[in-house]
PDB file of N, CA and C in Angstrom:
ATOM      1  N   MET A   1     -36.295 -29.166  -1.855  1.00  0.00           N
ATOM      2  CA  MET A   1     -36.222 -29.453   0.073  1.00  0.00           C
ATOM      3  C   MET A   1     -35.976 -27.750   0.158  1.00  0.00           C
ATOM      4  N   LEU A   2     -36.488 -26.767   0.661  1.00  0.00           N
ATOM      5  CA  LEU A   2     -36.714 -25.956   1.191  1.00  0.00           C
ATOM      6  C   LEU A   2     -35.737 -25.513   2.080  1.00  0.00           C
ATOM      7  N   LYS A   3     -35.550 -24.294   2.317  1.00  0.00           N
ATOM      8  CA  LYS A   3     -33.853 -23.811   2.574  1.00  0.00           C
ATOM      9  C   LYS A   3     -34.446 -22.209   3.404  1.00  0.00           C
ATOM     10  N   PRO A   4     -34.654 -22.599   4.615  1.00  0.00           N
ATOM     11  CA  PRO A   4     -34.839 -20.694   5.355  1.00  0.00           C
ATOM     12  C   PRO A   4     -34.187 -20.150   5.253  1.00  0.00           C
ATOM     13  N   SER A   5     -34.450 -19.384   4.683  1.00  0.00           N
ATOM     14  CA  SER A   5     -33.808 -17.464   4.922  1.00  0.00           C
ATOM     15  C   SER A   5     -34.900 -16.445   6.080  1.00  0.00           C
ATOM     16  N   PHE A   6     -33.483 -15.476   6.409  1.00  0.00           N
ATOM     17  CA  PHE A   6     -34.122 -14.673   7.105  1.00  0.00           C
ATOM     18  C   PHE A   6     -33.280 -13.229   6.125  1.00  0.00           C
ATOM     19  N   ARG A   7     -35.068 -12.426   7.053  1.00  0.00           N
ATOM     20  CA  ARG A   7     -34.434 -10.912   6.387  1.00  0.00           C
ATOM     21  C   ARG A   7     -35.103 -10.608   4.781  1.00  0.00           C
ATOM     22  N   GLU A   8     -35.251 -11.915   4.156  1.00  0.00           N
ATOM     23  CA  GLU A   8     -35.517 -11.867   3.137  1.00  0.00           C
ATOM     24  C   GLU A   8     -36.475 -12.594   2.324  1.00  0.00           C
ATOM     25  N   PRO A   9     -37.613 -12.875   1.512  1.00  0.00           N
ATOM     26  CA  PRO A   9     -38.376 -13.146   0.616  1.00  0.00           C
ATOM     27  C   PRO A   9     -38.040 -14.713   0.961  1.00  0.00           C
ATOM     28  N   GLY A  10     -39.518 -15.598   1.451  1.00  0.00           N
ATOM     29  CA  GLY A  10     -38.854 -17.461   1.258  1.00  0.00           C
ATOM     30  C   GLY A  10     -38.299 -17.764  -0.208  1.00  0.00           C
ATOM     31  N   GLN A  11     -38.171 -18.858   0.094  1.00  0.00           N
ATOM     32  CA  GLN A  11     -37.791 -20.102  -1.287  1.00  0.00           C
ATOM     33  C   GLN A  11     -39.378 -20.842  -1.607  1.00  0.00           C
ATOM     34  N   CYS A  12     -39.186 -20.995  -3.017  1.00  0.00           N
ATOM     35  CA  CYS A  12     -39.829 -21.547  -3.290  1.00  0.00           C
ATOM     36  C   CYS A  12     -40.137 -23.627  -3.669  1.00  0.00           C
ATOM     37  N   PHE A  13     -40.928 -23.547  -3.419  1.00  0.00           N
ATOM     38  CA  PHE A  13     -40.739 -25.455  -3.577  1.00  0.00           C
ATOM     39  C   PHE A  13     -41.374 -25.620  -4.986  1.00  0.00           C
ATOM     40  N   PRO A  14     -40.737 -26.043  -6.625  1.00  0.00           N
ATOM     41  CA  PRO A  14     -41.772 -25.681  -7.391  1.00  0.00           C
ATOM     42  C   PRO A  14     -42.751 -26.858  -7.896  1.00  0.00           C
ATOM     43  N   LEU A  15     -43.097 -26.868  -8.437  1.00  0.00           N
ATOM     44  CA  LEU A  15     -44.396 -27.445  -8.901  1.00  0.00           C
ATOM     45  C   LEU A  15     -44.667 -27.261 -10.608  1.00  0.00           C
ATOM     46  N   LYS A  16     -43.722 -28.296 -10.696  1.00  0.00           N
ATOM     47  CA  LYS A  16     -43.674 -28.686 -12.625  1.00  0.00           C
ATOM     48  C   LYS A  16     -44.900 -28.345 -13.123  1.00  0.00           C
ATOM     49  N   GLY A  17     -45.426 -26.768 -14.031  1.00  0.00           N
ATOM     50  CA  GLY A  17     -45.844 -27.135 -14.550  1.00  0.00           C
ATOM     51  C   GLY A  17     -46.901 -25.828 -14.502  1.00  0.00           C
ATOM     52  N   ASP A  18     -48.722 -26.304 -14.743  1.00  0.00           N
ATOM     53  CA  ASP A  18     -49.308 -24.642 -14.273  1.00  0.00           C
ATOM     54  C   ASP A  18     -50.522 -25.337 -13.200  1.00  0.00           C
ATOM     55  N   ASN A  19     -50.279 -26.764 -12.753  1.00  0.00           N
ATOM     56  CA  ASN A  19     -50.704 -26.564 -11.193  1.00  0.00           C
ATOM     57  C   ASN A  19     -50.318 -28.866 -10.931  1.00  0.00           C
ATOM     58  N   GLY A  20     -50.408 -28.703  -9.161  1.00  0.00           N
ATOM     59  CA  GLY A  20     -49.230 -29.492  -8.901  1.00  0.00           C
ATOM     60  C   GLY A  20     -49.968 -30.224  -7.399  1.00  0.00           C
ATOM     61  N   PHE A  21     -49.666 -30.932  -6.617  1.00  0.00           N
ATOM     62  CA  PHE A  21     -50.514 -30.918  -4.971  1.00  0.00           C
ATOM     63  C   PHE A  21     -49.342 -31.644  -4.231  1.00  0.00           C
ATOM     64  N   VAL A  22     -49.355 -31.759  -3.661  1.00  0.00           N
ATOM     65  CA  VAL A  22     -48.166 -32.410  -1.812  1.00  0.00           C
ATOM     66  C   VAL A  22     -49.224 -33.010  -1.300  1.00  0.00           C
ATOM     67  N   VAL A  23     -48.609 -34.381  -0.993  1.00  0.00           N
ATOM     68  CA  VAL A  23     -49.687 -35.128  -0.145  1.00  0.00           C
ATOM     69  C   VAL A  23     -48.470 -35.560   1.333  1.00  0.00           C
ATOM     70  N   ALA A  24     -49.407 -35.030   2.491  1.00  0.00           N
ATOM     71  CA  ALA A  24     -49.430 -34.292   4.038  1.00  0.00           C
ATOM     72  C   ALA A  24     -49.669 -35.785   4.616  1.00  0.00           C
ATOM     73  N   TYR A  25     -48.994 -36.949   4.859  1.00  0.00           N
ATOM     74  CA  TYR A  25     -48.919 -37.672   5.313  1.00  0.00           C
ATOM     75  C   TYR A  25     -48.780 -38.396   7.259  1.00  0.00           C
ATOM     76  N   ASP A  26     -47.858 -37.781   7.492  1.00  0.00           N
ATOM     77  CA  ASP A  26     -47.519 -37.218   9.228  1.00  0.00           C
ATOM     78  C   ASP A  26     -48.047 -36.871   9.945  1.00  0.00           C
ATOM     79  N   ARG A  27     -49.565 -37.119  10.649  1.00  0.00           N
ATOM     80  CA  ARG A  27     -49.778 -35.403  11.548  1.00  0.00           C
ATOM     81  C   ARG A  27     -49.047 -35.136  12.487  1.00  0.00           C
ATOM     82  N   SER A  28     -47.427 -35.798  12.802  1.00  0.00           N
ATOM     83  CA  SER A  28     -47.350 -35.674  14.028  1.00  0.00           C
ATOM     84  C   SER A  28     -46.025 -34.681  14.011  1.00  0.00           C
ATOM     85  N   SER A  29     -45.746 -34.177  12.046  1.00  0.00           N
ATOM     86  CA  SER A  29     -44.343 -33.603  12.473  1.00  0.00           C
ATOM     87  C   SER A  29     -45.393 -32.234  11.666  1.00  0.00           C
ATOM     88  N   ALA A  30     -47.432 -31.932  11.886  1.00  0.00           N
ATOM     89  CA  ALA A  30     -47.526 -30.436  12.367  1.00  0.00           C
ATOM     90  C   ALA A  30     -47.112 -29.844  12.939  1.00  0.00           C
ATOM     91  N   PRO A  31     -47.206 -28.481  13.350  1.00  0.00           N
ATOM     92  CA  PRO A  31     -45.823 -27.782  14.466  1.00  0.00           C
ATOM     93  C   PRO A  31     -47.215 -27.033  15.594  1.00  0.00           C
ATOM     94  N   LYS A  32     -46.467 -27.472  17.011  1.00  0.00           N
ATOM     95  CA  LYS A  32     -47.521 -27.300  17.408  1.00  0.00           C
ATOM     96  C   LYS A  32     -47.259 -26.025  18.169  1.00  0.00           C
ATOM     97  N   ASN A  33     -46.614 -25.087  18.737  1.00  0.00           N
ATOM     98  CA  ASN A  33     -46.941 -24.225  19.699  1.00  0.00           C
ATOM     99  C   ASN A  33     -45.492 -23.503  18.785  1.00  0.00           C
ATOM    100  N   CYS A  34     -46.224 -22.024  17.888  1.00  0.00           N
ATOM    101  CA  CYS A  34     -45.724 -21.150  18.276  1.00  0.00           C
ATOM    102  C   CYS A  34     -45.922 -19.981  18.310  1.00  0.00           C
ATOM    103  N   ARG A  35     -44.651 -19.092  18.121  1.00  0.00           N
ATOM    104  CA  ARG A  35     -44.703 -17.346  18.134  1.00  0.00           C
ATOM    105  C   ARG A  35     -44.188 -16.789  16.918  1.00  0.00           C
ATOM    106  N   VAL A  36     -44.958 -15.335  16.428  1.00  0.00           N
ATOM    107  CA  VAL A  36     -44.939 -14.845  15.470  1.00  0.00           C
ATOM    108  C   VAL A  36     -44.181 -13.458  15.826  1.00  0.00           C
ATOM    109  N   TYR A  37     -43.118 -12.814  15.438  1.00  0.00           N
ATOM    110  CA  TYR A  37     -42.418 -11.413  15.718  1.00  0.00           C
ATOM    111  C   TYR A  37     -42.260 -11.371  14.306  1.00  0.00           C
ATOM    112  N   GLY A  38     -42.594  -9.165  14.266  1.00  0.00           N
ATOM    113  CA  GLY A  38     -42.315  -8.806  13.325  1.00  0.00           C
ATOM    114  C   GLY A  38     -42.076  -7.454  14.079  1.00  0.00           C
ATOM    115  N   TRP A  39     -41.262  -6.380  12.359  1.00  0.00           N
ATOM    116  CA  TRP A  39     -40.274  -5.617  12.951  1.00  0.00           C
ATOM    117  C   TRP A  39     -40.684  -4.873  11.834  1.00  0.00           C
ATOM    118  N   TYR A  40     -40.295  -3.226  11.366  1.00  0.00           N
ATOM    119  CA  TYR A  40     -40.500  -2.617  10.299  1.00  0.00           C
ATOM    120  C   TYR A  40     -39.284  -2.733   9.656  1.00  0.00           C
ATOM    121  N   GLN A  41     -38.924  -3.046   7.997  1.00  0.00           N
ATOM    122  CA  GLN A  41     -37.515  -3.081   7.270  1.00  0.00           C
ATOM    123  C   GLN A  41     -37.532  -2.227   7.168  1.00  0.00           C
ATOM    124  N   GLY A  42     -36.571  -1.339   6.378  1.00  0.00           N
ATOM    125  CA  GLY A  42     -36.142  -0.527   6.050  1.00  0.00           C
ATOM    126  C   GLY A  42     -36.660   0.792   6.454  1.00  0.00           C
ATOM    127  N   TYR A  43     -36.348   1.779   5.646  1.00  0.00           N
ATOM    128  CA  TYR A  43     -36.164   3.178   5.896  1.00  0.00           C
ATOM    129  C   TYR A  43     -37.450   3.830   5.542  1.00  0.00           C
ATOM    130  N   ASP A  44     -38.006   4.835   6.136  1.00  0.00           N
ATOM    131  CA  ASP A  44     -39.158   5.791   5.153  1.00  0.00           C
ATOM    132  C   ASP A  44     -39.844   7.273   7.289  1.00  0.00           C
ATOM    133  N   ALA A  45     -38.817   8.187   6.350  1.00  0.00           N
ATOM    134  CA  ALA A  45     -39.032   9.430   6.975  1.00  0.00           C
ATOM    135  C   ALA A  45     -40.483   9.904   7.157  1.00  0.00           C
ATOM    136  N   ASP A  46     -41.201   9.409   6.342  1.00  0.00           N
ATOM    137  CA  ASP A  46     -42.283   9.668   7.331  1.00  0.00           C
ATOM    138  C   ASP A  46     -42.731   8.856   8.414  1.00  0.00           C
ATOM    139  N   ILE A  47     -42.547   7.694   8.976  1.00  0.00           N
ATOM    140  CA  ILE A  47     -43.105   6.582  10.225  1.00  0.00           C
ATOM    141  C   ILE A  47     -41.727   6.862  10.484  1.00  0.00           C
ATOM    142  N   ALA A  48     -42.277   7.191  12.000  1.00  0.00           N
ATOM    143  CA  ALA A  48     -41.176   7.692  13.308  1.00  0.00           C
ATOM    144  C   ALA A  48     -41.297   6.659  14.248  1.00  0.00           C
ATOM    145  N   ILE A  49     -41.301   5.464  13.835  1.00  0.00           N
ATOM    146  CA  ILE A  49     -40.814   4.551  14.552  1.00  0.00           C
ATOM    147  C   ILE A  49     -39.326   2.899  14.578  1.00  0.00           C
ATOM    148  N   GLU A  50     -38.609   2.474  15.808  1.00  0.00           N
ATOM    149  CA  GLU A  50     -37.595   1.659  15.403  1.00  0.00           C
ATOM    150  C   GLU A  50     -37.382   0.582  14.589  1.00  0.00           C
ATOM    151  N   LYS A  51     -36.375   1.247  13.501  1.00  0.00           N
ATOM    152  CA  LYS A  51     -37.190   0.271  12.599  1.00  0.00           C
ATOM    153  C   LYS A  51     -35.464  -1.235  12.896  1.00  0.00           C
ATOM    154  N   GLY A  52     -36.486  -1.683  12.659  1.00  0.00           N
ATOM    155  CA  GLY A  52     -35.868  -2.992  13.364  1.00  0.00           C
ATOM    156  C   GLY A  52     -35.623  -3.828  14.180  1.00  0.00           C
ATOM    157  N   LYS A  53     -36.776  -3.205  15.043  1.00  0.00           N
ATOM    158  CA  LYS A  53     -36.351  -3.719  17.289  1.00  0.00           C
ATOM    159  C   LYS A  53     -38.174  -5.026  16.397  1.00  0.00           C
ATOM    160  N   MET A  54     -37.012  -6.446  16.997  1.00  0.00           N
ATOM    161  CA  MET A  54     -38.545  -6.756  16.426  1.00  0.00           C
ATOM    162  C   MET A  54     -39.442  -6.820  18.190  1.00  0.00           C
ATOM    163  N   PHE A  55     -40.906  -7.240  17.691  1.00  0.00           N
ATOM    164  CA  PHE A  55     -41.825  -7.347  18.853  1.00  0.00           C
ATOM    165  C   PHE A  55     -42.677  -8.972  18.648  1.00  0.00           C
ATOM    166  N   LEU A  56     -42.657  -9.504  19.141  1.00  0.00           N
ATOM    167  CA  LEU A  56     -44.017 -10.195  19.507  1.00  0.00           C
ATOM    168  C   LEU A  56     -44.628  -9.582  18.989  1.00  0.00           C
ATOM    169  N   LEU A  57     -45.686 -10.753  18.854  1.00  0.00           N
ATOM    170  CA  LEU A  57     -46.265  -9.827  17.695  1.00  0.00           C
ATOM    171  C   LEU A  57     -47.495 -11.503  17.879  1.00  0.00           C
ATOM    172  N   ALA A  58     -47.431 -11.926  18.906  1.00  0.00           N
ATOM    173  CA  ALA A  58     -48.662 -13.665  18.666  1.00  0.00           C
ATOM    174  C   ALA A  58     -47.635 -14.692  19.763  1.00  0.00           C
ATOM    175  N   GLU A  59     -48.895 -15.493  20.194  1.00  0.00           N
ATOM    176  CA  GLU A  59     -47.650 -16.719  21.069  1.00  0.00           C
ATOM    177  C   GLU A  59     -49.082 -17.725  20.681  1.00  0.00           C
ATOM    178  N   PHE A  60     -48.671 -19.048  20.111  1.00  0.00           N
ATOM    179  CA  PHE A  60     -50.199 -20.241  20.003  1.00  0.00           C
ATOM    180  C   PHE A  60     -49.820 -20.773  19.437  1.00  0.00           C
ATOM    181  N   SER A  61     -50.607 -22.542  20.140  1.00  0.00           N
ATOM    182  CA  SER A  61     -50.965 -22.599  19.869  1.00  0.00           C
ATOM    183  C   SER A  61     -51.616 -23.986  18.359  1.00  0.00           C
ATOM    184  N   TYR A  62     -50.926 -24.609  17.852  1.00  0.00           N
ATOM    185  CA  TYR A  62     -51.946 -25.409  16.683  1.00  0.00           C
ATOM    186  C   TYR A  62     -52.921 -26.593  17.130  1.00  0.00           C
ATOM    187  N   ASP A  63     -53.893 -27.010  16.811  1.00  0.00           N
ATOM    188  CA  ASP A  63     -55.065 -28.010  17.287  1.00  0.00           C
ATOM    189  C   ASP A  63     -55.391 -29.426  16.594  1.00  0.00           C
ATOM    190  N   LEU A  64     -54.030 -30.216  16.695  1.00  0.00           N
ATOM    191  CA  LEU A  64     -54.551 -30.596  15.327  1.00  0.00           C
ATOM    192  C   LEU A  64     -56.081 -31.238  15.777  1.00  0.00           C
ATOM    193  N   ASP A  65     -56.837 -31.798  16.856  1.00  0.00           N
ATOM    194  CA  ASP A  65     -58.575 -31.777  16.987  1.00  0.00           C
ATOM    195  C   ASP A  65     -59.041 -30.166  16.025  1.00  0.00           C
ATOM    196  N   LYS A  66     -59.194 -29.601  15.845  1.00  0.00           N
ATOM    197  CA  LYS A  66     -59.488 -28.270  16.064  1.00  0.00           C
ATOM    198  C   LYS A  66     -59.810 -28.790  13.988  1.00  0.00           C
ATOM    199  N   SER A  67     -59.999 -27.847  13.420  1.00  0.00           N
ATOM    200  CA  SER A  67     -60.012 -27.350  11.881  1.00  0.00           C
ATOM    201  C   SER A  67     -58.817 -26.737  11.556  1.00  0.00           C
ATOM    202  N   ASN A  68     -58.763 -27.856  10.427  1.00  0.00           N
ATOM    203  CA  ASN A  68     -57.217 -27.137   9.673  1.00  0.00           C
ATOM    204  C   ASN A  68     -56.941 -25.004   9.906  1.00  0.00           C
ATOM    205  N   ALA A  69     -57.764 -25.628   9.378  1.00  0.00           N
ATOM    206  CA  ALA A  69     -57.725 -23.011   9.378  1.00  0.00           C
ATOM    207  C   ALA A  69     -58.263 -22.829  10.543  1.00  0.00           C
ATOM    208  N   GLN A  70     -56.993 -22.265  11.102  1.00  0.00           N
ATOM    209  CA  GLN A  70     -57.139 -21.805  12.237  1.00  0.00           C
ATOM    210  C   GLN A  70     -56.769 -20.275  12.369  1.00  0.00           C
ATOM    211  N   THR A  71     -57.471 -19.323  13.831  1.00  0.00           N
ATOM    212  CA  THR A  71     -57.302 -17.926  12.865  1.00  0.00           C
ATOM    213  C   THR A  71     -56.655 -17.892  14.867  1.00  0.00           C
ATOM    214  N   PHE A  72     -55.498 -16.726  14.852  1.00  0.00           N
ATOM    215  CA  PHE A  72     -54.387 -15.963  16.274  1.00  0.00           C
ATOM    216  C   PHE A  72     -54.670 -15.173  16.454  1.00  0.00           C
ATOM    217  N   ASN A  73     -54.723 -13.974  17.352  1.00  0.00           N
ATOM    218  CA  ASN A  73     -54.858 -13.173  16.776  1.00  0.00           C
ATOM    219  C   ASN A  73     -53.896 -12.333  17.378  1.00  0.00           C
ATOM    220  N   VAL A  74     -53.208 -10.433  17.046  1.00  0.00           N
ATOM    221  CA  VAL A  74     -51.799 -10.030  17.577  1.00  0.00           C
ATOM    222  C   VAL A  74     -52.229 -10.260  18.435  1.00  0.00           C
ATOM    223  N   LEU A  75     -51.206 -10.271  19.730  1.00  0.00           N
ATOM    224  CA  LEU A  75     -51.084  -9.558  21.096  1.00  0.00           C
ATOM    225  C   LEU A  75     -52.051  -8.230  20.833  1.00  0.00           C
ATOM    226  N   ASP A  76     -52.626  -7.419  22.336  1.00  0.00           N
ATOM    227  CA  ASP A  76     -52.454  -6.227  22.401  1.00  0.00           C
ATOM    228  C   ASP A  76     -51.262  -5.716  23.090  1.00  0.00           C
ATOM    229  N   LEU A  77     -50.173  -6.347  23.583  1.00  0.00           N
ATOM    230  CA  LEU A  77     -48.648  -5.659  23.647  1.00  0.00           C
ATOM    231  C   LEU A  77     -47.126  -5.205  23.098  1.00  0.00           C
ATOM    232  N   VAL A  78     -48.832  -5.352  21.530  1.00  0.00           N
ATOM    233  CA  VAL A  78     -47.447  -4.590  20.782  1.00  0.00           C
ATOM    234  C   VAL A  78     -47.422  -3.313  20.196  1.00  0.00           C
ATOM    235  N   GLY A  79     -45.911  -2.374  21.442  1.00  0.00           N
ATOM    236  CA  GLY A  79     -45.584  -1.448  20.975  1.00  0.00           C
ATOM    237  C   GLY A  79     -44.748  -1.113  19.206  1.00  0.00           C
ATOM    238  N   SER A  80     -45.004  -1.331  18.655  1.00  0.00           N
ATOM    239  CA  SER A  80     -44.547  -0.800  17.725  1.00  0.00           C
ATOM    240  C   SER A  80     -46.091  -0.638  16.863  1.00  0.00           C
ATOM    241  N   GLY A  81     -46.755  -1.522  16.437  1.00  0.00           N
ATOM    242  CA  GLY A  81     -47.853  -1.065  15.733  1.00  0.00           C
ATOM    243  C   GLY A  81     -47.880  -0.983  14.221  1.00  0.00           C
ATOM    244  N   LEU A  82     -46.864  -1.205  13.808  1.00  0.00           N
ATOM    245  CA  LEU A  82     -45.876  -0.781  12.493  1.00  0.00           C
ATOM    246  C   LEU A  82     -45.656  -2.125  11.860  1.00  0.00           C
ATOM    247  N   VAL A  83     -45.344  -2.790  10.662  1.00  0.00           N
ATOM    248  CA  VAL A  83     -44.569  -3.696  11.091  1.00  0.00           C
ATOM    249  C   VAL A  83     -44.955  -4.128   9.440  1.00  0.00           C
ATOM    250  N   ASN A  84     -43.236  -4.755   8.793  1.00  0.00           N
ATOM    251  CA  ASN A  84     -43.933  -4.930   7.671  1.00  0.00           C
ATOM    252  C   ASN A  84     -43.021  -6.461   7.282  1.00  0.00           C
ATOM    253  N   THR A  85     -42.096  -7.184   8.186  1.00  0.00           N
ATOM    254  CA  THR A  85     -41.557  -8.752   7.688  1.00  0.00           C
ATOM    255  C   THR A  85     -41.973  -8.929   8.951  1.00  0.00           C
ATOM    256  N   VAL A  86     -42.213 -10.371   9.181  1.00  0.00           N
ATOM    257  CA  VAL A  86     -43.110 -11.565   9.956  1.00  0.00           C
ATOM    258  C   VAL A  86     -42.136 -11.829  10.188  1.00  0.00           C
ATOM    259  N   ARG A  87     -41.724 -13.551  10.624  1.00  0.00           N
ATOM    260  CA  ARG A  87     -40.599 -15.046  10.980  1.00  0.00           C
ATOM    261  C   ARG A  87     -41.544 -14.945  12.373  1.00  0.00           C
ATOM    262  N   PHE A  88     -41.708 -16.991  11.863  1.00  0.00           N
ATOM    263  CA  PHE A  88     -42.523 -17.703  12.670  1.00  0.00           C
ATOM    264  C   PHE A  88     -41.672 -18.773  13.174  1.00  0.00           C
ATOM    265  N   GLU A  89     -41.568 -18.694  14.388  1.00  0.00           N
ATOM    266  CA  GLU A  89     -40.790 -19.686  15.546  1.00  0.00           C
ATOM    267  C   GLU A  89     -41.528 -20.436  15.759  1.00  0.00           C
ATOM    268  N   PHE A  90     -41.370 -21.649  14.983  1.00  0.00           N
ATOM    269  CA  PHE A  90     -41.896 -22.944  15.612  1.00  0.00           C
ATOM    270  C   PHE A  90     -40.764 -23.223  16.776  1.00  0.00           C
ATOM    271  N   THR A  91     -41.761 -23.646  17.991  1.00  0.00           N
ATOM    272  CA  THR A  91     -41.543 -24.544  19.190  1.00  0.00           C
ATOM    273  C   THR A  91     -40.881 -25.608  19.646  1.00  0.00           C
ATOM    274  N   SER A  92     -42.128 -26.350  18.187  1.00  0.00           N
ATOM    275  CA  SER A  92     -42.398 -27.576  18.897  1.00  0.00           C
ATOM    276  C   SER A  92     -43.393 -28.198  17.757  1.00  0.00           C
ATOM    277  N   ASN A  93     -43.755 -29.024  17.748  1.00  0.00           N
ATOM    278  CA  ASN A  93     -44.562 -29.686  16.559  1.00  0.00           C
ATOM    279  C   ASN A  93     -45.187 -30.939  17.448  1.00  0.00           C
ATOM    280  N   HIS A  94     -45.936 -32.045  16.576  1.00  0.00           N
ATOM    281  CA  HIS A  94     -47.237 -32.981  17.559  1.00  0.00           C
ATOM    282  C   HIS A  94     -46.474 -34.107  17.625  1.00  0.00           C
ATOM    283  N   GLY A  95     -45.185 -34.466  18.303  1.00  0.00           N
ATOM    284  CA  GLY A  95     -44.397 -35.681  18.155  1.00  0.00           C
ATOM    285  C   GLY A  95     -43.099 -35.843  17.573  1.00  0.00           C
ATOM    286  N   ASN A  96     -43.063 -35.812  16.410  1.00  0.00           N
ATOM    287  CA  ASN A  96     -41.758 -36.319  14.934  1.00  0.00           C
ATOM    288  C   ASN A  96     -40.684 -35.818  16.308  1.00  0.00           C
ATOM    289  N   THR A  97     -39.399 -35.757  15.760  1.00  0.00           N
ATOM    290  CA  THR A  97     -38.243 -35.695  16.433  1.00  0.00           C
ATOM    291  C   THR A  97     -37.602 -34.994  15.125  1.00  0.00           C
ATOM    292  N   ASP A  98     -37.760 -35.464  13.284  1.00  0.00           N
ATOM    293  CA  ASP A  98     -36.993 -36.027  12.844  1.00  0.00           C
ATOM    294  C   ASP A  98     -37.730 -34.682  11.742  1.00  0.00           C
ATOM    295  N   TYR A  99     -38.855 -34.590  12.265  1.00  0.00           N
ATOM    296  CA  TYR A  99     -39.067 -33.102  10.905  1.00  0.00           C
ATOM    297  C   TYR A  99     -39.785 -31.857  11.262  1.00  0.00           C
ATOM    298  N   THR A 100     -40.393 -30.526  11.747  1.00  0.00           N
ATOM    299  CA  THR A 100     -41.363 -30.514  11.428  1.00  0.00           C
ATOM    300  C   THR A 100     -42.082 -29.460   9.681  1.00  0.00           C
ATOM    301  N   CYS A 101     -43.220 -29.958   9.832  1.00  0.00           N
ATOM    302  CA  CYS A 101     -44.338 -29.740   8.382  1.00  0.00           C
ATOM    303  C   CYS A 101     -44.850 -28.557   8.171  1.00  0.00           C
ATOM    304  N   ILE A 102     -44.539 -27.216   7.654  1.00  0.00           N
ATOM    305  CA  ILE A 102     -45.246 -26.231   7.894  1.00  0.00           C
ATOM    306  C   ILE A 102     -46.289 -26.229   6.226  1.00  0.00           C
ATOM    307  N   TYR A 103     -47.692 -26.323   6.582  1.00  0.00           N
ATOM    308  CA  TYR A 103     -48.603 -26.547   5.183  1.00  0.00           C
ATOM    309  C   TYR A 103     -49.272 -25.783   4.713  1.00  0.00           C
ATOM    310  N   ARG A 104     -49.358 -24.205   5.098  1.00  0.00           N
ATOM    311  CA  ARG A 104     -49.888 -23.034   5.487  1.00  0.00           C
ATOM    312  C   ARG A 104     -49.952 -21.581   5.481  1.00  0.00           C
ATOM    313  N   LEU A 105     -49.503 -21.161   5.397  1.00  0.00           N
ATOM    314  CA  LEU A 105     -49.403 -19.562   6.300  1.00  0.00           C
ATOM    315  C   LEU A 105     -50.087 -18.875   5.716  1.00  0.00           C
ATOM    316  N   ARG A 106     -51.056 -17.964   6.601  1.00  0.00           N
ATOM    317  CA  ARG A 106     -51.655 -16.594   6.131  1.00  0.00           C
ATOM    318  C   ARG A 106     -51.161 -15.499   6.689  1.00  0.00           C
ATOM    319  N   VAL A 107     -51.185 -13.980   6.706  1.00  0.00           N
ATOM    320  CA  VAL A 107     -51.308 -13.385   7.183  1.00  0.00           C
ATOM    321  C   VAL A 107     -51.830 -12.309   7.116  1.00  0.00           C
ATOM    322  N   HIS A 108     -52.686 -10.876   7.743  1.00  0.00           N
ATOM    323  CA  HIS A 108     -53.296 -11.005   8.098  1.00  0.00           C
ATOM    324  C   HIS A 108     -53.147  -9.071   7.992  1.00  0.00           C
ATOM    325  N   GLY A 109     -54.008  -8.094   7.392  1.00  0.00           N
ATOM    326  CA  GLY A 109     -53.470  -6.779   8.124  1.00  0.00           C
ATOM    327  C   GLY A 109     -53.529  -5.315   7.764  1.00  0.00           C
ATOM    328  N   HIS A 110     -53.536  -4.060   7.749  1.00  0.00           N
ATOM    329  CA  HIS A 110     -53.870  -3.388   6.765  1.00  0.00           C
ATOM    330  C   HIS A 110     -52.660  -2.656   6.534  1.00  0.00           C
ATOM    331  N   GLY A 111     -53.096  -1.450   5.498  1.00  0.00           N
ATOM    332  CA  GLY A 111     -52.412  -0.644   5.304  1.00  0.00           C
ATOM    333  C   GLY A 111     -51.941  -0.236   6.091  1.00  0.00           C
ATOM    334  N   PRO A 112     -50.226   0.476   5.894  1.00  0.00           N
ATOM    335  CA  PRO A 112     -49.500   1.325   6.864  1.00  0.00           C
ATOM    336  C   PRO A 112     -50.306   2.952   7.240  1.00  0.00           C
ATOM    337  N   THR A 113     -50.986   3.290   6.022  1.00  0.00           N
ATOM    338  CA  THR A 113     -51.656   4.336   5.968  1.00  0.00           C
ATOM    339  C   THR A 113     -53.131   4.370   7.486  1.00  0.00           C
ATOM    340  N   SER A 114     -53.813   3.171   7.367  1.00  0.00           N
ATOM    341  CA  SER A 114     -55.021   2.757   7.857  1.00  0.00           C
ATOM    342  C   SER A 114     -54.567   2.797   9.846  1.00  0.00           C
ATOM    343  N   VAL A 115     -53.315   2.882   9.468  1.00  0.00           N
ATOM    344  CA  VAL A 115     -52.632   2.594  11.018  1.00  0.00           C
ATOM    345  C   VAL A 115     -52.401   3.493  11.621  1.00  0.00           C
ATOM    346  N   LEU A 116     -51.682   5.019  11.069  1.00  0.00           N
ATOM    347  CA  LEU A 116     -51.516   6.098  10.982  1.00  0.00           C
ATOM    348  C   LEU A 116     -52.700   6.889  11.436  1.00  0.00           C
ATOM    349  N   MET A 117     -53.683   6.330  10.201  1.00  0.00           N
ATOM    350  CA  MET A 117     -54.843   7.456  10.958  1.00  0.00           C
ATOM    351  C   MET A 117     -55.699   7.299  12.341  1.00  0.00           C
ATOM    352  N   ALA A 118     -55.353   5.554  12.934  1.00  0.00           N
ATOM    353  CA  ALA A 118     -56.339   4.952  13.860  1.00  0.00           C
ATOM    354  C   ALA A 118     -55.033   5.754  15.007  1.00  0.00           C
ATOM    355  N   GLN A 119     -53.697   5.551  15.295  1.00  0.00           N
ATOM    356  CA  GLN A 119     -52.679   6.104  15.355  1.00  0.00           C
ATOM    357  C   GLN A 119     -53.140   7.642  16.359  1.00  0.00           C
ATOM    358  N   SER A 120     -53.886   8.278  14.799  1.00  0.00           N
ATOM    359  CA  SER A 120     -53.922   9.853  15.984  1.00  0.00           C
ATOM    360  C   SER A 120     -54.917  10.590  16.735  1.00  0.00           C
TER     361      SER A 120
END
């Protein structure tokens, strides 16, 4: 069983050997509504941003009638511009009252150098 962790790398669900699979059988447990937050954690003297302040990056609904791989953009009103930690907050699923299953998450972005250059 995966246990949630906050402000540290997530825990792993190990599969014995060098390959494996997981079968998902209950679509009602898929997440529906989600919020994504980001913040800069740590110290860097070259980066003048408020460290630890959480910004809402995105709010979206996962649609079971669309492709399994869905892309959601970051909100235009993000004040930080630079984050190194992301939090996914699932606020509902598609009907299962016992659990919500997360199958895969991907986060894409740019390195800090390209962000700082774009802001100049």
